[in-house]
Amino acid sequence: MIPLQIVYAAKFVLKDGASQIQFGWIGAAFTLLSFAIFVAWVIWAYLPSRKQAMEEAARLPFDDQDGGAA
Protein backbone atom coordinates (compact mmCIF):
# COMPACT_ATOMS: atom_id res chain seq x y z
CA MET A 1 0.00 0.00 0.00
CA ILE A 2 1.29 3.46 -0.99
CA PRO A 3 1.56 5.87 1.92
CA LEU A 4 -0.75 8.86 1.68
CA GLN A 5 2.16 11.29 1.90
CA ILE A 6 3.65 9.93 -1.34
CA VAL A 7 0.34 10.40 -3.11
CA TYR A 8 0.11 14.01 -1.93
CA ALA A 9 3.73 14.63 -2.95
CA ALA A 10 3.08 13.20 -6.42
CA LYS A 11 0.01 15.43 -6.84
CA PHE A 12 2.02 18.46 -5.76
CA VAL A 13 4.86 17.65 -8.18
CA LEU A 14 2.46 17.17 -11.09
CA LYS A 15 0.58 20.38 -10.30
CA ASP A 16 3.84 22.31 -9.88
CA GLY A 17 5.18 20.87 -13.14
CA ALA A 18 2.08 21.98 -15.00
CA SER A 19 2.43 25.52 -13.69
CA GLN A 20 6.11 25.56 -14.66
CA ILE A 21 5.22 24.58 -18.21
CA GLN A 22 2.58 27.28 -18.29
CA PHE A 23 4.93 29.99 -17.01
CA GLY A 24 8.16 28.67 -18.55
CA TRP A 25 8.39 31.70 -20.80
CA ILE A 26 9.12 33.85 -17.75
CA GLY A 27 12.35 31.97 -17.12
CA ALA A 28 13.32 32.26 -20.78
CA ALA A 29 12.56 35.99 -20.80
CA PHE A 30 14.61 36.51 -17.63
CA THR A 31 17.53 34.59 -19.13
CA LEU A 32 17.44 36.66 -22.32
CA LEU A 33 17.18 39.90 -20.33
CA SER A 34 20.12 38.90 -18.13
CA PHE A 35 22.22 38.03 -21.18
CA ALA A 36 21.35 41.34 -22.85
CA ILE A 37 22.37 43.25 -19.72
CA PHE A 38 25.65 41.32 -19.57
CA VAL A 39 26.45 42.06 -23.22
CA ALA A 40 25.63 45.76 -22.73
CA TRP A 41 27.86 45.86 -19.65
CA VAL A 42 30.79 44.31 -21.52
CA ILE A 43 30.34 46.72 -24.44
CA TRP A 44 30.21 49.66 -22.01
CA ALA A 45 33.40 48.48 -20.30
CA TYR A 46 35.33 48.29 -23.58
CA LEU A 47 34.19 51.61 -25.05
CA PRO A 48 37.13 53.77 -26.14
CA SER A 49 35.91 56.57 -23.84
CA ARG A 50 36.42 54.25 -20.83
CA LYS A 51 40.06 53.43 -21.70
CA GLN A 52 41.63 55.94 -19.31
CA ALA A 53 39.43 54.85 -16.39
CA MET A 54 40.30 51.21 -17.04
CA GLU A 55 44.03 52.00 -17.18
CA GLU A 56 43.79 53.87 -13.87
CA ALA A 57 41.94 50.94 -12.30
CA ALA A 58 44.60 48.55 -13.61
CA ARG A 59 47.33 50.59 -11.87
CA LEU A 60 45.59 50.66 -8.47
CA PRO A 61 47.43 47.63 -7.01
CA PHE A 62 50.78 49.24 -7.88
CA ASP A 63 49.92 52.66 -6.44
CA ASP A 64 50.34 51.43 -2.88
CA GLN A 65 51.07 54.43 -0.63
CA ASP A 66 51.57 52.69 2.73
CA GLY A 67 54.18 50.14 1.72
CA GLY A 68 51.86 47.12 1.74
CA ALA A 69 50.82 47.30 5.40
CA ALA A 70 47.34 45.95 5.93
PDB file of N, CA and C in Angstrom:
ATOM      1  N   MET A   1       0.839  -1.186   0.000  1.00  0.00           N
ATOM      2  CA  MET A   1       0.000   0.000   0.000  1.00  0.00           C
ATOM      3  C   MET A   1       0.883   1.248   0.000  1.00  0.00           C
ATOM      4  N   ILE A   2       0.515   2.225  -0.850  1.00  0.00           N
ATOM      5  CA  ILE A   2       1.286   3.460  -0.989  1.00  0.00           C
ATOM      6  C   ILE A   2       0.881   4.416   0.132  1.00  0.00           C
ATOM      7  N   PRO A   3       1.888   4.912   0.857  1.00  0.00           N
ATOM      8  CA  PRO A   3       1.562   5.872   1.921  1.00  0.00           C
ATOM      9  C   PRO A   3       0.906   7.128   1.347  1.00  0.00           C
ATOM     10  N   LEU A   4       0.017   7.689   2.110  1.00  0.00           N
ATOM     11  CA  LEU A   4      -0.751   8.857   1.676  1.00  0.00           C
ATOM     12  C   LEU A   4       0.153  10.060   1.390  1.00  0.00           C
ATOM     13  N   GLN A   5       1.253  10.162   2.104  1.00  0.00           N
ATOM     14  CA  GLN A   5       2.162  11.286   1.896  1.00  0.00           C
ATOM     15  C   GLN A   5       2.778  11.244   0.502  1.00  0.00           C
ATOM     16  N   ILE A   6       3.078  10.061   0.003  1.00  0.00           N
ATOM     17  CA  ILE A   6       3.655   9.934  -1.338  1.00  0.00           C
ATOM     18  C   ILE A   6       2.631  10.355  -2.385  1.00  0.00           C
ATOM     19  N   VAL A   7       1.388  10.005  -2.174  1.00  0.00           N
ATOM     20  CA  VAL A   7       0.336  10.397  -3.107  1.00  0.00           C
ATOM     21  C   VAL A   7       0.200  11.913  -3.143  1.00  0.00           C
ATOM     22  N   TYR A   8       0.205  12.553  -1.984  1.00  0.00           N
ATOM     23  CA  TYR A   8       0.112  14.012  -1.931  1.00  0.00           C
ATOM     24  C   TYR A   8       1.342  14.661  -2.574  1.00  0.00           C
ATOM     25  N   ALA A   9       2.506  14.095  -2.353  1.00  0.00           N
ATOM     26  CA  ALA A   9       3.733  14.628  -2.949  1.00  0.00           C
ATOM     27  C   ALA A   9       3.668  14.519  -4.465  1.00  0.00           C
ATOM     28  N   ALA A  10       3.183  13.384  -4.971  1.00  0.00           N
ATOM     29  CA  ALA A  10       3.079  13.201  -6.418  1.00  0.00           C
ATOM     30  C   ALA A  10       2.093  14.205  -7.018  1.00  0.00           C
ATOM     31  N   LYS A  11       0.975  14.444  -6.349  1.00  0.00           N
ATOM     32  CA  LYS A  11       0.009  15.425  -6.842  1.00  0.00           C
ATOM     33  C   LYS A  11       0.622  16.827  -6.872  1.00  0.00           C
ATOM     34  N   PHE A  12       1.375  17.150  -5.827  1.00  0.00           N
ATOM     35  CA  PHE A  12       2.020  18.461  -5.763  1.00  0.00           C
ATOM     36  C   PHE A  12       3.035  18.622  -6.890  1.00  0.00           C
ATOM     37  N   VAL A  13       3.849  17.587  -7.132  1.00  0.00           N
ATOM     38  CA  VAL A  13       4.863  17.653  -8.184  1.00  0.00           C
ATOM     39  C   VAL A  13       4.201  17.808  -9.548  1.00  0.00           C
ATOM     40  N   LEU A  14       3.135  17.068  -9.805  1.00  0.00           N
ATOM     41  CA  LEU A  14       2.457  17.170 -11.088  1.00  0.00           C
ATOM     42  C   LEU A  14       1.822  18.545 -11.278  1.00  0.00           C
ATOM     43  N   LYS A  15       1.207  19.057 -10.219  1.00  0.00           N
ATOM     44  CA  LYS A  15       0.579  20.377 -10.300  1.00  0.00           C
ATOM     45  C   LYS A  15       1.648  21.455 -10.491  1.00  0.00           C
ATOM     46  N   ASP A  16       2.757  21.344  -9.765  1.00  0.00           N
ATOM     47  CA  ASP A  16       3.842  22.308  -9.879  1.00  0.00           C
ATOM     48  C   ASP A  16       4.475  22.228 -11.267  1.00  0.00           C
ATOM     49  N   GLY A  17       4.631  21.030 -11.793  1.00  0.00           N
ATOM     50  CA  GLY A  17       5.182  20.867 -13.135  1.00  0.00           C
ATOM     51  C   GLY A  17       4.311  21.501 -14.187  1.00  0.00           C
ATOM     52  N   ALA A  18       3.008  21.370 -14.036  1.00  0.00           N
ATOM     53  CA  ALA A  18       2.085  21.980 -14.997  1.00  0.00           C
ATOM     54  C   ALA A  18       2.187  23.500 -14.956  1.00  0.00           C
ATOM     55  N   SER A  19       2.323  24.062 -13.775  1.00  0.00           N
ATOM     56  CA  SER A  19       2.434  25.518 -13.689  1.00  0.00           C
ATOM     57  C   SER A  19       3.776  25.989 -14.243  1.00  0.00           C
ATOM     58  N   GLN A  20       4.822  25.175 -14.096  1.00  0.00           N
ATOM     59  CA  GLN A  20       6.108  25.562 -14.659  1.00  0.00           C
ATOM     60  C   GLN A  20       6.067  25.548 -16.175  1.00  0.00           C
ATOM     61  N   ILE A  21       5.357  24.610 -16.751  1.00  0.00           N
ATOM     62  CA  ILE A  21       5.224  24.577 -18.206  1.00  0.00           C
ATOM     63  C   ILE A  21       4.436  25.801 -18.667  1.00  0.00           C
ATOM     64  N   GLN A  22       3.416  26.157 -17.923  1.00  0.00           N
ATOM     65  CA  GLN A  22       2.575  27.284 -18.291  1.00  0.00           C
ATOM     66  C   GLN A  22       3.351  28.599 -18.200  1.00  0.00           C
ATOM     67  N   PHE A  23       4.195  28.744 -17.221  1.00  0.00           N
ATOM     68  CA  PHE A  23       4.935  29.988 -17.012  1.00  0.00           C
ATOM     69  C   PHE A  23       6.415  29.845 -17.354  1.00  0.00           C
ATOM     70  N   GLY A  24       6.771  28.878 -18.162  1.00  0.00           N
ATOM     71  CA  GLY A  24       8.158  28.666 -18.547  1.00  0.00           C
ATOM     72  C   GLY A  24       8.740  29.819 -19.337  1.00  0.00           C
ATOM     73  N   TRP A  25       7.902  30.571 -20.010  1.00  0.00           N
ATOM     74  CA  TRP A  25       8.388  31.702 -20.799  1.00  0.00           C
ATOM     75  C   TRP A  25       8.986  32.783 -19.914  1.00  0.00           C
ATOM     76  N   ILE A  26       8.570  32.836 -18.654  1.00  0.00           N
ATOM     77  CA  ILE A  26       9.115  33.847 -17.745  1.00  0.00           C
ATOM     78  C   ILE A  26      10.595  33.583 -17.510  1.00  0.00           C
ATOM     79  N   GLY A  27      10.944  32.326 -17.300  1.00  0.00           N
ATOM     80  CA  GLY A  27      12.353  31.975 -17.117  1.00  0.00           C
ATOM     81  C   GLY A  27      13.171  32.270 -18.360  1.00  0.00           C
ATOM     82  N   ALA A  28      12.617  31.977 -19.531  1.00  0.00           N
ATOM     83  CA  ALA A  28      13.317  32.261 -20.783  1.00  0.00           C
ATOM     84  C   ALA A  28      13.497  33.761 -20.970  1.00  0.00           C
ATOM     85  N   ALA A  29      12.477  34.531 -20.664  1.00  0.00           N
ATOM     86  CA  ALA A  29      12.564  35.989 -20.801  1.00  0.00           C
ATOM     87  C   ALA A  29      13.596  36.556 -19.830  1.00  0.00           C
ATOM     88  N   PHE A  30      13.631  36.042 -18.607  1.00  0.00           N
ATOM     89  CA  PHE A  30      14.609  36.510 -17.627  1.00  0.00           C
ATOM     90  C   PHE A  30      16.027  36.168 -18.072  1.00  0.00           C
ATOM     91  N   THR A  31      16.215  34.990 -18.640  1.00  0.00           N
ATOM     92  CA  THR A  31      17.533  34.585 -19.132  1.00  0.00           C
ATOM     93  C   THR A  31      17.977  35.503 -20.264  1.00  0.00           C
ATOM     94  N   LEU A  32      17.092  35.776 -21.210  1.00  0.00           N
ATOM     95  CA  LEU A  32      17.440  36.663 -22.315  1.00  0.00           C
ATOM     96  C   LEU A  32      17.726  38.084 -21.831  1.00  0.00           C
ATOM     97  N   LEU A  33      16.942  38.570 -20.883  1.00  0.00           N
ATOM     98  CA  LEU A  33      17.176  39.896 -20.325  1.00  0.00           C
ATOM     99  C   LEU A  33      18.527  39.964 -19.614  1.00  0.00           C
ATOM    100  N   SER A  34      18.841  38.941 -18.834  1.00  0.00           N
ATOM    101  CA  SER A  34      20.121  38.898 -18.127  1.00  0.00           C
ATOM    102  C   SER A  34      21.283  38.879 -19.111  1.00  0.00           C
ATOM    103  N   PHE A  35      21.162  38.095 -20.174  1.00  0.00           N
ATOM    104  CA  PHE A  35      22.221  38.033 -21.176  1.00  0.00           C
ATOM    105  C   PHE A  35      22.381  39.372 -21.881  1.00  0.00           C
ATOM    106  N   ALA A  36      21.279  40.029 -22.198  1.00  0.00           N
ATOM    107  CA  ALA A  36      21.351  41.339 -22.853  1.00  0.00           C
ATOM    108  C   ALA A  36      22.027  42.363 -21.949  1.00  0.00           C
ATOM    109  N   ILE A  37      21.726  42.337 -20.665  1.00  0.00           N
ATOM    110  CA  ILE A  37      22.371  43.254 -19.720  1.00  0.00           C
ATOM    111  C   ILE A  37      23.863  42.969 -19.635  1.00  0.00           C
ATOM    112  N   PHE A  38      24.237  41.696 -19.617  1.00  0.00           N
ATOM    113  CA  PHE A  38      25.646  41.321 -19.565  1.00  0.00           C
ATOM    114  C   PHE A  38      26.388  41.823 -20.807  1.00  0.00           C
ATOM    115  N   VAL A  39      25.813  41.617 -21.978  1.00  0.00           N
ATOM    116  CA  VAL A  39      26.453  42.065 -23.222  1.00  0.00           C
ATOM    117  C   VAL A  39      26.586  43.583 -23.223  1.00  0.00           C
ATOM    118  N   ALA A  40      25.563  44.292 -22.797  1.00  0.00           N
ATOM    119  CA  ALA A  40      25.628  45.756 -22.734  1.00  0.00           C
ATOM    120  C   ALA A  40      26.709  46.215 -21.760  1.00  0.00           C
ATOM    121  N   TRP A  41      26.846  45.519 -20.639  1.00  0.00           N
ATOM    122  CA  TRP A  41      27.858  45.864 -19.646  1.00  0.00           C
ATOM    123  C   TRP A  41      29.265  45.662 -20.209  1.00  0.00           C
ATOM    124  N   VAL A  42      29.479  44.576 -20.923  1.00  0.00           N
ATOM    125  CA  VAL A  42      30.788  44.313 -21.524  1.00  0.00           C
ATOM    126  C   VAL A  42      31.098  45.359 -22.585  1.00  0.00           C
ATOM    127  N   ILE A  43      30.126  45.689 -23.418  1.00  0.00           N
ATOM    128  CA  ILE A  43      30.345  46.716 -24.440  1.00  0.00           C
ATOM    129  C   ILE A  43      30.674  48.051 -23.779  1.00  0.00           C
ATOM    130  N   TRP A  44      29.955  48.406 -22.725  1.00  0.00           N
ATOM    131  CA  TRP A  44      30.213  49.656 -22.013  1.00  0.00           C
ATOM    132  C   TRP A  44      31.637  49.680 -21.446  1.00  0.00           C
ATOM    133  N   ALA A  45      32.080  48.535 -20.913  1.00  0.00           N
ATOM    134  CA  ALA A  45      33.404  48.477 -20.297  1.00  0.00           C
ATOM    135  C   ALA A  45      34.517  48.657 -21.325  1.00  0.00           C
ATOM    136  N   TYR A  46      34.299  48.229 -22.558  1.00  0.00           N
ATOM    137  CA  TYR A  46      35.331  48.292 -23.583  1.00  0.00           C
ATOM    138  C   TYR A  46      35.172  49.473 -24.544  1.00  0.00           C
ATOM    139  N   LEU A  47      34.314  50.409 -24.217  1.00  0.00           N
ATOM    140  CA  LEU A  47      34.195  51.606 -25.045  1.00  0.00           C
ATOM    141  C   LEU A  47      35.503  52.393 -25.014  1.00  0.00           C
ATOM    142  N   PRO A  48      35.887  52.991 -26.126  1.00  0.00           N
ATOM    143  CA  PRO A  48      37.131  53.771 -26.144  1.00  0.00           C
ATOM    144  C   PRO A  48      37.126  54.919 -25.126  1.00  0.00           C
ATOM    145  N   SER A  49      35.966  55.472 -24.814  1.00  0.00           N
ATOM    146  CA  SER A  49      35.906  56.567 -23.843  1.00  0.00           C
ATOM    147  C   SER A  49      36.205  56.094 -22.415  1.00  0.00           C
ATOM    148  N   ARG A  50      36.151  54.783 -22.163  1.00  0.00           N
ATOM    149  CA  ARG A  50      36.422  54.250 -20.827  1.00  0.00           C
ATOM    150  C   ARG A  50      37.868  53.785 -20.678  1.00  0.00           C
ATOM    151  N   LYS A  51      38.692  53.953 -21.714  1.00  0.00           N
ATOM    152  CA  LYS A  51      40.061  53.428 -21.697  1.00  0.00           C
ATOM    153  C   LYS A  51      40.884  54.022 -20.555  1.00  0.00           C
ATOM    154  N   GLN A  52      40.822  55.313 -20.356  1.00  0.00           N
ATOM    155  CA  GLN A  52      41.625  55.944 -19.306  1.00  0.00           C
ATOM    156  C   GLN A  52      41.195  55.450 -17.920  1.00  0.00           C
ATOM    157  N   ALA A  53      39.911  55.333 -17.689  1.00  0.00           N
ATOM    158  CA  ALA A  53      39.432  54.853 -16.394  1.00  0.00           C
ATOM    159  C   ALA A  53      39.882  53.415 -16.149  1.00  0.00           C
ATOM    160  N   MET A  54      39.866  52.597 -17.189  1.00  0.00           N
ATOM    161  CA  MET A  54      40.304  51.207 -17.040  1.00  0.00           C
ATOM    162  C   MET A  54      41.802  51.127 -16.766  1.00  0.00           C
ATOM    163  N   GLU A  55      42.591  51.989 -17.426  1.00  0.00           N
ATOM    164  CA  GLU A  55      44.034  51.997 -17.177  1.00  0.00           C
ATOM    165  C   GLU A  55      44.339  52.452 -15.752  1.00  0.00           C
ATOM    166  N   GLU A  56      43.605  53.433 -15.252  1.00  0.00           N
ATOM    167  CA  GLU A  56      43.785  53.873 -13.867  1.00  0.00           C
ATOM    168  C   GLU A  56      43.422  52.759 -12.894  1.00  0.00           C
ATOM    169  N   ALA A  57      42.347  52.047 -13.168  1.00  0.00           N
ATOM    170  CA  ALA A  57      41.940  50.942 -12.300  1.00  0.00           C
ATOM    171  C   ALA A  57      42.962  49.817 -12.345  1.00  0.00           C
ATOM    172  N   ALA A  58      43.595  49.604 -13.496  1.00  0.00           N
ATOM    173  CA  ALA A  58      44.602  48.548 -13.610  1.00  0.00           C
ATOM    174  C   ALA A  58      45.856  48.890 -12.810  1.00  0.00           C
ATOM    175  N   ARG A  59      46.133  50.185 -12.628  1.00  0.00           N
ATOM    176  CA  ARG A  59      47.328  50.591 -11.871  1.00  0.00           C
ATOM    177  C   ARG A  59      47.095  50.652 -10.369  1.00  0.00           C
ATOM    178  N   LEU A  60      45.884  50.527  -9.904  1.00  0.00           N
ATOM    179  CA  LEU A  60      45.590  50.662  -8.471  1.00  0.00           C
ATOM    180  C   LEU A  60      46.435  49.746  -7.579  1.00  0.00           C
ATOM    181  N   PRO A  61      46.624  48.480  -7.903  1.00  0.00           N
ATOM    182  CA  PRO A  61      47.432  47.634  -7.011  1.00  0.00           C
ATOM    183  C   PRO A  61      48.876  48.084  -6.897  1.00  0.00           C
ATOM    184  N   PHE A  62      49.380  48.803  -7.897  1.00  0.00           N
ATOM    185  CA  PHE A  62      50.779  49.238  -7.881  1.00  0.00           C
ATOM    186  C   PHE A  62      50.955  50.633  -7.297  1.00  0.00           C
ATOM    187  N   ASP A  63      49.884  51.320  -7.021  1.00  0.00           N
ATOM    188  CA  ASP A  63      49.923  52.656  -6.439  1.00  0.00           C
ATOM    189  C   ASP A  63      49.786  52.596  -4.921  1.00  0.00           C
ATOM    190  N   ASP A  64      50.434  51.647  -4.320  1.00  0.00           N
ATOM    191  CA  ASP A  64      50.338  51.432  -2.880  1.00  0.00           C
ATOM    192  C   ASP A  64      51.115  52.521  -2.149  1.00  0.00           C
ATOM    193  N   GLN A  65      50.444  53.313  -1.317  1.00  0.00           N
ATOM    194  CA  GLN A  65      51.067  54.426  -0.626  1.00  0.00           C
ATOM    195  C   GLN A  65      51.664  54.060   0.736  1.00  0.00           C
ATOM    196  N   ASP A  66      51.137  53.009   1.375  1.00  0.00           N
ATOM    197  CA  ASP A  66      51.567  52.695   2.733  1.00  0.00           C
ATOM    198  C   ASP A  66      52.561  51.531   2.793  1.00  0.00           C
ATOM    199  N   GLY A  67      53.164  51.160   1.706  1.00  0.00           N
ATOM    200  CA  GLY A  67      54.179  50.135   1.716  1.00  0.00           C
ATOM    201  C   GLY A  67      53.670  48.728   1.879  1.00  0.00           C
ATOM    202  N   GLY A  68      52.409  48.474   1.678  1.00  0.00           N
ATOM    203  CA  GLY A  68      51.863  47.120   1.745  1.00  0.00           C
ATOM    204  C   GLY A  68      51.344  46.716   3.106  1.00  0.00           C
ATOM    205  N   ALA A  69      51.337  47.632   4.078  1.00  0.00           N
ATOM    206  CA  ALA A  69      50.816  47.301   5.399  1.00  0.00           C
ATOM    207  C   ALA A  69      49.307  47.196   5.349  1.00  0.00           C
ATOM    208  N   ALA A  70      48.790  46.171   5.961  1.00  0.00           N
ATOM    209  CA  ALA A  70      47.345  45.950   5.928  1.00  0.00           C
ATOM    210  C   ALA A  70      46.628  46.719   7.000  1.00  0.00           C
TER     211      ALA A  70
END
